[in-house]
Amino acid sequence: MANCPELRKIAKARLKSAETLMSVNDWHGAAYMLGYVLECALKAATCKVLHLVTYPENTKNDKINSYFMTHRFEQLLIVSGLENIFSSRGPKEAWENWSDFTLKYPGEWPAMRYDAKTVWNKLTVEGLHQNLTEPMHGILTVIKERKKW
């Protein structure tokens, strides 16, 4: 699995991919990439907070795997040490960005690759992008400010 700098680099690259897809009105592809961005950012934060050389993968220890081997944003938020920031106890705007973003991706969000029923539109995807990148309280902005990645 990737280390912290690699996960950061992947998150940034997938953000550019999402923006490219948005520019050609591929809303489903962009939404998928934006979910990928958040997952990589949270995994990078986890590496930084826990001083891990690489993000754990298939450790052959079910207890460890149950914490780390997930795509669930809420679980990744907890292991990243950022739960207090993106909760109702944290800054209101950060909490709102987190809530607005994650409500669109229930459960194991990568399953959306196989979901032909959900229709993503410009307004929704641009909102997701804003939730991540808003200069003051966007999810990525807050993670960077807290020096968690």
N, C-alpha and C. Protein backbone atom coordinates (compact mmCIF):
# COMPACT_ATOMS: atom_id res chain seq x y z
N MET A 1 0.85 -1.17 0.00
CA MET A 1 0.00 0.00 0.00
C MET A 1 0.90 1.24 0.00
N ALA A 2 0.32 2.34 -0.31
CA ALA A 2 1.06 3.59 -0.44
C ALA A 2 1.40 4.19 0.92
N ASN A 3 2.44 5.02 0.91
CA ASN A 3 2.79 5.75 2.12
C ASN A 3 2.09 7.11 2.11
N CYS A 4 2.31 7.90 3.14
CA CYS A 4 1.62 9.18 3.29
C CYS A 4 1.86 10.12 2.10
N PRO A 5 3.10 10.39 1.71
CA PRO A 5 3.30 11.28 0.56
C PRO A 5 2.66 10.75 -0.73
N GLU A 6 2.71 9.42 -0.92
CA GLU A 6 2.10 8.86 -2.12
C GLU A 6 0.57 9.01 -2.09
N LEU A 7 -0.03 8.79 -0.93
CA LEU A 7 -1.48 8.96 -0.81
C LEU A 7 -1.89 10.41 -1.05
N ARG A 8 -1.09 11.34 -0.55
CA ARG A 8 -1.34 12.77 -0.80
C ARG A 8 -1.27 13.07 -2.30
N LYS A 9 -0.25 12.52 -2.93
CA LYS A 9 -0.06 12.73 -4.36
C LYS A 9 -1.23 12.13 -5.16
N ILE A 10 -1.69 10.95 -4.77
CA ILE A 10 -2.82 10.32 -5.43
C ILE A 10 -4.07 11.18 -5.25
N ALA A 11 -4.30 11.67 -4.04
CA ALA A 11 -5.47 12.52 -3.79
C ALA A 11 -5.46 13.75 -4.68
N LYS A 12 -4.31 14.39 -4.79
CA LYS A 12 -4.20 15.58 -5.63
C LYS A 12 -4.42 15.24 -7.11
N ALA A 13 -3.85 14.13 -7.54
CA ALA A 13 -4.02 13.72 -8.94
C ALA A 13 -5.47 13.38 -9.25
N ARG A 14 -6.15 12.69 -8.32
CA ARG A 14 -7.55 12.34 -8.55
C ARG A 14 -8.45 13.58 -8.49
N LEU A 15 -8.05 14.61 -7.74
CA LEU A 15 -8.80 15.86 -7.75
C LEU A 15 -8.71 16.50 -9.13
N LYS A 16 -7.52 16.49 -9.72
CA LYS A 16 -7.37 17.00 -11.08
C LYS A 16 -8.18 16.17 -12.07
N SER A 17 -8.20 14.85 -11.88
CA SER A 17 -9.00 13.99 -12.74
C SER A 17 -10.48 14.35 -12.63
N ALA A 18 -10.94 14.56 -11.41
CA ALA A 18 -12.35 14.93 -11.20
C ALA A 18 -12.67 16.24 -11.90
N GLU A 19 -11.77 17.20 -11.79
CA GLU A 19 -12.00 18.50 -12.42
C GLU A 19 -12.02 18.38 -13.94
N THR A 20 -11.18 17.51 -14.48
CA THR A 20 -11.19 17.26 -15.92
C THR A 20 -12.52 16.63 -16.33
N LEU A 21 -12.98 15.66 -15.59
CA LEU A 21 -14.26 15.01 -15.89
C LEU A 21 -15.42 16.00 -15.78
N MET A 22 -15.35 16.89 -14.79
CA MET A 22 -16.39 17.91 -14.65
C MET A 22 -16.41 18.83 -15.87
N SER A 23 -15.24 19.13 -16.41
CA SER A 23 -15.17 20.05 -17.55
C SER A 23 -15.79 19.47 -18.82
N VAL A 24 -15.96 18.14 -18.85
CA VAL A 24 -16.60 17.51 -20.01
C VAL A 24 -17.96 16.90 -19.64
N ASN A 25 -18.50 17.36 -18.51
CA ASN A 25 -19.84 16.97 -18.05
C ASN A 25 -19.99 15.48 -17.76
N ASP A 26 -18.92 14.83 -17.34
CA ASP A 26 -19.00 13.43 -16.91
C ASP A 26 -19.20 13.44 -15.40
N TRP A 27 -20.45 13.63 -15.01
CA TRP A 27 -20.77 13.84 -13.60
C TRP A 27 -20.57 12.59 -12.77
N HIS A 28 -20.91 11.42 -13.32
CA HIS A 28 -20.73 10.18 -12.57
C HIS A 28 -19.24 9.91 -12.34
N GLY A 29 -18.44 10.05 -13.37
CA GLY A 29 -17.01 9.83 -13.24
C GLY A 29 -16.37 10.81 -12.27
N ALA A 30 -16.80 12.07 -12.34
CA ALA A 30 -16.26 13.09 -11.43
C ALA A 30 -16.65 12.78 -9.98
N ALA A 31 -17.90 12.37 -9.76
CA ALA A 31 -18.34 12.03 -8.41
C ALA A 31 -17.52 10.88 -7.85
N TYR A 32 -17.25 9.88 -8.68
CA TYR A 32 -16.44 8.75 -8.25
C TYR A 32 -15.04 9.23 -7.86
N MET A 33 -14.43 10.05 -8.70
CA MET A 33 -13.08 10.56 -8.41
C MET A 33 -13.06 11.38 -7.12
N LEU A 34 -14.09 12.17 -6.87
CA LEU A 34 -14.13 12.99 -5.65
C LEU A 34 -14.21 12.10 -4.41
N GLY A 35 -14.94 10.99 -4.49
CA GLY A 35 -14.94 10.04 -3.38
C GLY A 35 -13.57 9.45 -3.15
N TYR A 36 -12.89 9.15 -4.24
CA TYR A 36 -11.54 8.60 -4.19
C TYR A 36 -10.58 9.61 -3.55
N VAL A 37 -10.76 10.89 -3.86
CA VAL A 37 -9.93 11.95 -3.27
C VAL A 37 -10.05 11.92 -1.75
N LEU A 38 -11.28 11.91 -1.26
CA LEU A 38 -11.47 11.93 0.19
C LEU A 38 -10.89 10.68 0.83
N GLU A 39 -11.10 9.53 0.23
CA GLU A 39 -10.56 8.30 0.81
C GLU A 39 -9.03 8.39 0.93
N CYS A 40 -8.36 8.81 -0.13
CA CYS A 40 -6.89 8.91 -0.09
C CYS A 40 -6.42 9.96 0.92
N ALA A 41 -7.13 11.08 1.01
CA ALA A 41 -6.75 12.12 1.97
C ALA A 41 -6.87 11.60 3.40
N LEU A 42 -7.93 10.87 3.69
CA LEU A 42 -8.11 10.32 5.04
C LEU A 42 -7.07 9.25 5.34
N LYS A 43 -6.72 8.45 4.36
CA LYS A 43 -5.69 7.43 4.57
C LYS A 43 -4.32 8.07 4.75
N ALA A 44 -4.05 9.16 4.04
CA ALA A 44 -2.79 9.90 4.25
C ALA A 44 -2.75 10.48 5.66
N ALA A 45 -3.88 11.04 6.10
CA ALA A 45 -3.95 11.60 7.45
C ALA A 45 -3.73 10.51 8.50
N THR A 46 -4.27 9.33 8.26
CA THR A 46 -4.08 8.21 9.19
C THR A 46 -2.61 7.86 9.31
N CYS A 47 -1.92 7.78 8.19
CA CYS A 47 -0.48 7.48 8.21
C CYS A 47 0.27 8.53 9.03
N LYS A 48 -0.08 9.78 8.80
CA LYS A 48 0.62 10.87 9.49
C LYS A 48 0.35 10.81 11.00
N VAL A 49 -0.91 10.69 11.37
CA VAL A 49 -1.30 10.72 12.78
C VAL A 49 -0.73 9.51 13.54
N LEU A 50 -0.75 8.35 12.92
CA LEU A 50 -0.29 7.14 13.59
C LEU A 50 1.18 6.83 13.33
N HIS A 51 1.86 7.72 12.60
CA HIS A 51 3.28 7.54 12.29
C HIS A 51 3.54 6.20 11.60
N LEU A 52 2.71 5.90 10.60
CA LEU A 52 2.85 4.66 9.85
C LEU A 52 3.71 4.88 8.62
N VAL A 53 4.57 3.95 8.32
CA VAL A 53 5.40 4.04 7.12
C VAL A 53 4.51 3.91 5.89
N THR A 54 3.60 2.94 5.91
CA THR A 54 2.64 2.76 4.82
C THR A 54 1.27 2.48 5.44
N TYR A 55 0.24 2.73 4.65
CA TYR A 55 -1.11 2.44 5.11
C TYR A 55 -1.28 0.92 5.16
N PRO A 56 -1.79 0.38 6.28
CA PRO A 56 -1.91 -1.07 6.43
C PRO A 56 -2.82 -1.70 5.37
N GLU A 57 -2.39 -2.82 4.84
CA GLU A 57 -3.24 -3.60 3.94
C GLU A 57 -3.00 -5.08 4.18
N ASN A 58 -4.06 -5.81 4.27
CA ASN A 58 -4.02 -7.26 4.43
C ASN A 58 -2.93 -7.70 5.41
N THR A 59 -3.10 -7.29 6.65
CA THR A 59 -2.09 -7.61 7.66
C THR A 59 -2.20 -9.04 8.19
N LYS A 60 -3.24 -9.76 7.76
CA LYS A 60 -3.52 -11.10 8.24
C LYS A 60 -3.93 -11.08 9.71
N ASN A 61 -4.27 -9.90 10.21
CA ASN A 61 -4.80 -9.76 11.56
C ASN A 61 -6.18 -9.12 11.40
N ASP A 62 -7.21 -9.91 11.64
CA ASP A 62 -8.57 -9.44 11.40
C ASP A 62 -8.92 -8.19 12.20
N LYS A 63 -8.40 -8.07 13.40
CA LYS A 63 -8.70 -6.86 14.20
C LYS A 63 -8.10 -5.62 13.56
N ILE A 64 -6.88 -5.71 13.11
CA ILE A 64 -6.25 -4.56 12.44
C ILE A 64 -6.95 -4.28 11.12
N ASN A 65 -7.19 -5.30 10.34
CA ASN A 65 -7.85 -5.13 9.04
C ASN A 65 -9.23 -4.50 9.19
N SER A 66 -9.95 -4.86 10.26
CA SER A 66 -11.30 -4.33 10.42
C SER A 66 -11.29 -2.81 10.61
N TYR A 67 -10.21 -2.26 11.10
CA TYR A 67 -10.10 -0.80 11.25
C TYR A 67 -9.65 -0.13 9.97
N PHE A 68 -8.70 -0.71 9.29
CA PHE A 68 -8.03 -0.02 8.19
C PHE A 68 -8.53 -0.40 6.80
N MET A 69 -8.94 -1.62 6.60
CA MET A 69 -9.33 -2.09 5.28
C MET A 69 -10.80 -1.76 5.01
N THR A 70 -11.05 -0.50 4.75
CA THR A 70 -12.41 -0.03 4.55
C THR A 70 -12.43 1.12 3.54
N HIS A 71 -13.61 1.33 2.98
CA HIS A 71 -13.84 2.49 2.13
C HIS A 71 -14.83 3.43 2.82
N ARG A 72 -15.30 3.08 3.99
CA ARG A 72 -16.31 3.87 4.70
C ARG A 72 -15.69 5.14 5.26
N PHE A 73 -16.21 6.27 4.81
CA PHE A 73 -15.65 7.55 5.23
C PHE A 73 -15.70 7.75 6.73
N GLU A 74 -16.79 7.36 7.37
CA GLU A 74 -16.91 7.56 8.83
C GLU A 74 -15.84 6.77 9.57
N GLN A 75 -15.59 5.55 9.15
CA GLN A 75 -14.57 4.74 9.80
C GLN A 75 -13.18 5.31 9.54
N LEU A 76 -12.92 5.74 8.31
CA LEU A 76 -11.63 6.35 7.99
C LEU A 76 -11.43 7.65 8.77
N LEU A 77 -12.51 8.39 8.98
CA LEU A 77 -12.43 9.63 9.76
C LEU A 77 -11.96 9.34 11.18
N ILE A 78 -12.49 8.30 11.77
CA ILE A 78 -12.11 7.96 13.15
C ILE A 78 -10.65 7.54 13.23
N VAL A 79 -10.21 6.63 12.35
CA VAL A 79 -8.82 6.17 12.43
C VAL A 79 -7.83 7.27 12.04
N SER A 80 -8.30 8.29 11.32
CA SER A 80 -7.42 9.40 10.94
C SER A 80 -7.21 10.40 12.07
N GLY A 81 -7.99 10.28 13.13
CA GLY A 81 -7.88 11.23 14.23
C GLY A 81 -8.52 12.57 13.96
N LEU A 82 -9.38 12.66 12.95
CA LEU A 82 -10.01 13.92 12.57
C LEU A 82 -11.48 14.01 12.97
N GLU A 83 -11.98 13.01 13.66
CA GLU A 83 -13.41 12.96 13.98
C GLU A 83 -13.86 14.18 14.76
N ASN A 84 -13.03 14.68 15.66
CA ASN A 84 -13.43 15.84 16.47
C ASN A 84 -13.57 17.11 15.63
N ILE A 85 -12.89 17.18 14.51
CA ILE A 85 -12.95 18.37 13.65
C ILE A 85 -14.18 18.32 12.76
N PHE A 86 -14.48 17.16 12.21
CA PHE A 86 -15.60 17.02 11.27
C PHE A 86 -16.82 16.42 11.97
N SER A 87 -17.11 16.92 13.15
CA SER A 87 -18.29 16.49 13.89
C SER A 87 -19.03 17.74 14.35
N SER A 88 -20.14 17.53 14.99
CA SER A 88 -20.93 18.67 15.48
C SER A 88 -20.17 19.44 16.56
N ARG A 89 -19.11 18.85 17.12
CA ARG A 89 -18.30 19.54 18.13
C ARG A 89 -17.22 20.42 17.49
N GLY A 90 -16.98 20.22 16.21
CA GLY A 90 -15.95 20.97 15.50
C GLY A 90 -16.51 22.24 14.89
N PRO A 91 -15.71 22.89 14.06
CA PRO A 91 -16.18 24.11 13.38
C PRO A 91 -17.43 23.81 12.54
N LYS A 92 -18.43 24.65 12.68
CA LYS A 92 -19.72 24.44 12.01
C LYS A 92 -19.57 24.24 10.50
N GLU A 93 -18.78 25.08 9.86
CA GLU A 93 -18.64 25.00 8.41
C GLU A 93 -17.95 23.72 7.97
N ALA A 94 -16.94 23.27 8.73
CA ALA A 94 -16.25 22.02 8.41
C ALA A 94 -17.22 20.85 8.55
N TRP A 95 -18.00 20.86 9.62
CA TRP A 95 -19.01 19.81 9.85
C TRP A 95 -20.03 19.79 8.71
N GLU A 96 -20.47 20.95 8.29
CA GLU A 96 -21.45 21.03 7.20
C GLU A 96 -20.87 20.50 5.89
N ASN A 97 -19.62 20.86 5.59
CA ASN A 97 -18.99 20.35 4.37
C ASN A 97 -18.85 18.83 4.43
N TRP A 98 -18.42 18.31 5.58
CA TRP A 98 -18.30 16.86 5.75
C TRP A 98 -19.66 16.19 5.57
N SER A 99 -20.66 16.70 6.25
CA SER A 99 -21.99 16.09 6.19
C SER A 99 -22.57 16.13 4.79
N ASP A 100 -22.49 17.30 4.15
CA ASP A 100 -23.03 17.43 2.80
C ASP A 100 -22.34 16.47 1.83
N PHE A 101 -21.03 16.33 1.98
CA PHE A 101 -20.27 15.45 1.09
C PHE A 101 -20.62 13.99 1.35
N THR A 102 -20.49 13.54 2.59
CA THR A 102 -20.60 12.11 2.88
C THR A 102 -22.03 11.58 2.76
N LEU A 103 -23.01 12.43 2.89
CA LEU A 103 -24.40 11.97 2.71
C LEU A 103 -24.65 11.47 1.29
N LYS A 104 -23.88 11.93 0.35
CA LYS A 104 -24.05 11.51 -1.05
C LYS A 104 -23.41 10.16 -1.33
N TYR A 105 -22.58 9.66 -0.38
CA TYR A 105 -21.84 8.41 -0.58
C TYR A 105 -22.12 7.44 0.57
N PRO A 106 -23.27 6.80 0.58
CA PRO A 106 -23.56 5.89 1.70
C PRO A 106 -22.75 4.60 1.63
N GLY A 107 -22.39 4.10 2.80
CA GLY A 107 -21.73 2.80 2.89
C GLY A 107 -20.40 2.72 2.18
N GLU A 108 -20.20 1.61 1.51
CA GLU A 108 -18.97 1.38 0.75
C GLU A 108 -19.11 2.12 -0.58
N TRP A 109 -18.71 3.36 -0.60
CA TRP A 109 -18.97 4.23 -1.75
C TRP A 109 -18.46 3.70 -3.09
N PRO A 110 -17.36 2.92 -3.17
CA PRO A 110 -16.92 2.46 -4.49
C PRO A 110 -17.96 1.60 -5.22
N ALA A 111 -18.96 1.11 -4.51
CA ALA A 111 -20.02 0.33 -5.16
C ALA A 111 -20.75 1.16 -6.21
N MET A 112 -20.59 2.50 -6.15
CA MET A 112 -21.25 3.34 -7.14
C MET A 112 -20.75 3.05 -8.56
N ARG A 113 -19.60 2.39 -8.67
CA ARG A 113 -19.10 2.02 -10.00
C ARG A 113 -20.09 1.13 -10.74
N TYR A 114 -20.87 0.38 -9.95
CA TYR A 114 -21.80 -0.58 -10.53
C TYR A 114 -23.26 -0.13 -10.40
N ASP A 115 -23.47 1.11 -10.03
CA ASP A 115 -24.81 1.63 -9.83
C ASP A 115 -25.25 2.42 -11.06
N ALA A 116 -26.10 1.82 -11.85
CA ALA A 116 -26.59 2.50 -13.06
C ALA A 116 -27.82 3.35 -12.76
N LYS A 117 -28.39 3.22 -11.55
CA LYS A 117 -29.62 3.93 -11.22
C LYS A 117 -29.38 5.37 -10.77
N THR A 118 -28.33 5.58 -10.00
CA THR A 118 -28.07 6.91 -9.47
C THR A 118 -27.58 7.83 -10.58
N VAL A 119 -28.22 8.96 -10.69
CA VAL A 119 -27.85 9.95 -11.71
C VAL A 119 -27.20 11.13 -11.00
N TRP A 120 -25.97 11.40 -11.36
CA TRP A 120 -25.24 12.53 -10.82
C TRP A 120 -25.42 13.70 -11.77
N ASN A 121 -25.60 14.89 -11.21
CA ASN A 121 -25.80 16.06 -12.07
C ASN A 121 -24.79 17.14 -11.72
N LYS A 122 -24.75 18.14 -12.54
CA LYS A 122 -23.79 19.23 -12.40
C LYS A 122 -23.87 19.89 -11.03
N LEU A 123 -25.06 20.22 -10.59
CA LEU A 123 -25.23 20.91 -9.31
C LEU A 123 -24.69 20.08 -8.15
N THR A 124 -25.02 18.80 -8.14
CA THR A 124 -24.56 17.93 -7.06
C THR A 124 -23.05 17.78 -7.06
N VAL A 125 -22.47 17.53 -8.21
CA VAL A 125 -21.03 17.29 -8.30
C VAL A 125 -20.25 18.57 -8.01
N GLU A 126 -20.72 19.69 -8.50
CA GLU A 126 -20.04 20.95 -8.17
C GLU A 126 -20.13 21.23 -6.67
N GLY A 127 -21.24 20.86 -6.05
CA GLY A 127 -21.35 21.00 -4.60
C GLY A 127 -20.36 20.12 -3.87
N LEU A 128 -20.19 18.87 -4.33
CA LEU A 128 -19.21 17.96 -3.73
C LEU A 128 -17.80 18.53 -3.86
N HIS A 129 -17.49 19.04 -5.03
CA HIS A 129 -16.18 19.64 -5.26
C HIS A 129 -15.96 20.81 -4.30
N GLN A 130 -16.98 21.63 -4.13
CA GLN A 130 -16.90 22.76 -3.21
C GLN A 130 -16.72 22.28 -1.77
N ASN A 131 -17.44 21.22 -1.38
CA ASN A 131 -17.29 20.67 -0.03
C ASN A 131 -15.84 20.28 0.24
N LEU A 132 -15.16 19.75 -0.76
CA LEU A 132 -13.77 19.34 -0.59
C LEU A 132 -12.79 20.50 -0.62
N THR A 133 -13.02 21.46 -1.50
CA THR A 133 -11.98 22.44 -1.82
C THR A 133 -12.25 23.86 -1.35
N GLU A 134 -13.38 24.12 -0.74
CA GLU A 134 -13.71 25.48 -0.30
C GLU A 134 -12.53 26.03 0.50
N PRO A 135 -12.07 27.26 0.18
CA PRO A 135 -10.82 27.78 0.73
C PRO A 135 -10.76 27.91 2.26
N MET A 136 -11.85 28.16 2.91
CA MET A 136 -11.79 28.35 4.37
C MET A 136 -12.09 27.07 5.16
N HIS A 137 -13.13 26.35 4.78
CA HIS A 137 -13.57 25.21 5.59
C HIS A 137 -13.81 23.95 4.77
N GLY A 138 -13.29 23.89 3.56
CA GLY A 138 -13.40 22.67 2.76
C GLY A 138 -12.67 21.53 3.45
N ILE A 139 -13.11 20.33 3.20
CA ILE A 139 -12.55 19.17 3.89
C ILE A 139 -11.04 19.08 3.69
N LEU A 140 -10.58 19.19 2.46
CA LEU A 140 -9.13 19.11 2.20
C LEU A 140 -8.39 20.28 2.84
N THR A 141 -8.99 21.45 2.78
CA THR A 141 -8.37 22.64 3.38
C THR A 141 -8.17 22.44 4.87
N VAL A 142 -9.20 21.94 5.54
CA VAL A 142 -9.12 21.74 6.99
C VAL A 142 -8.07 20.68 7.33
N ILE A 143 -8.04 19.60 6.57
CA ILE A 143 -7.04 18.56 6.82
C ILE A 143 -5.63 19.15 6.66
N LYS A 144 -5.41 19.92 5.62
CA LYS A 144 -4.10 20.54 5.41
C LYS A 144 -3.75 21.49 6.53
N GLU A 145 -4.71 22.33 6.95
CA GLU A 145 -4.47 23.29 8.02
C GLU A 145 -4.07 22.60 9.31
N ARG A 146 -4.65 21.46 9.58
CA ARG A 146 -4.36 20.73 10.80
C ARG A 146 -3.07 19.93 10.67
N LYS A 147 -2.41 20.09 9.51
CA LYS A 147 -1.15 19.39 9.24
C LYS A 147 -1.28 17.89 9.43
N LYS A 148 -2.44 17.39 8.99
CA LYS A 148 -2.71 15.96 9.16
C LYS A 148 -2.37 15.16 7.92
N TRP A 149 -1.81 15.81 6.91
CA TRP A 149 -1.37 15.03 5.76
C TRP A 149 -0.24 15.68 5.12
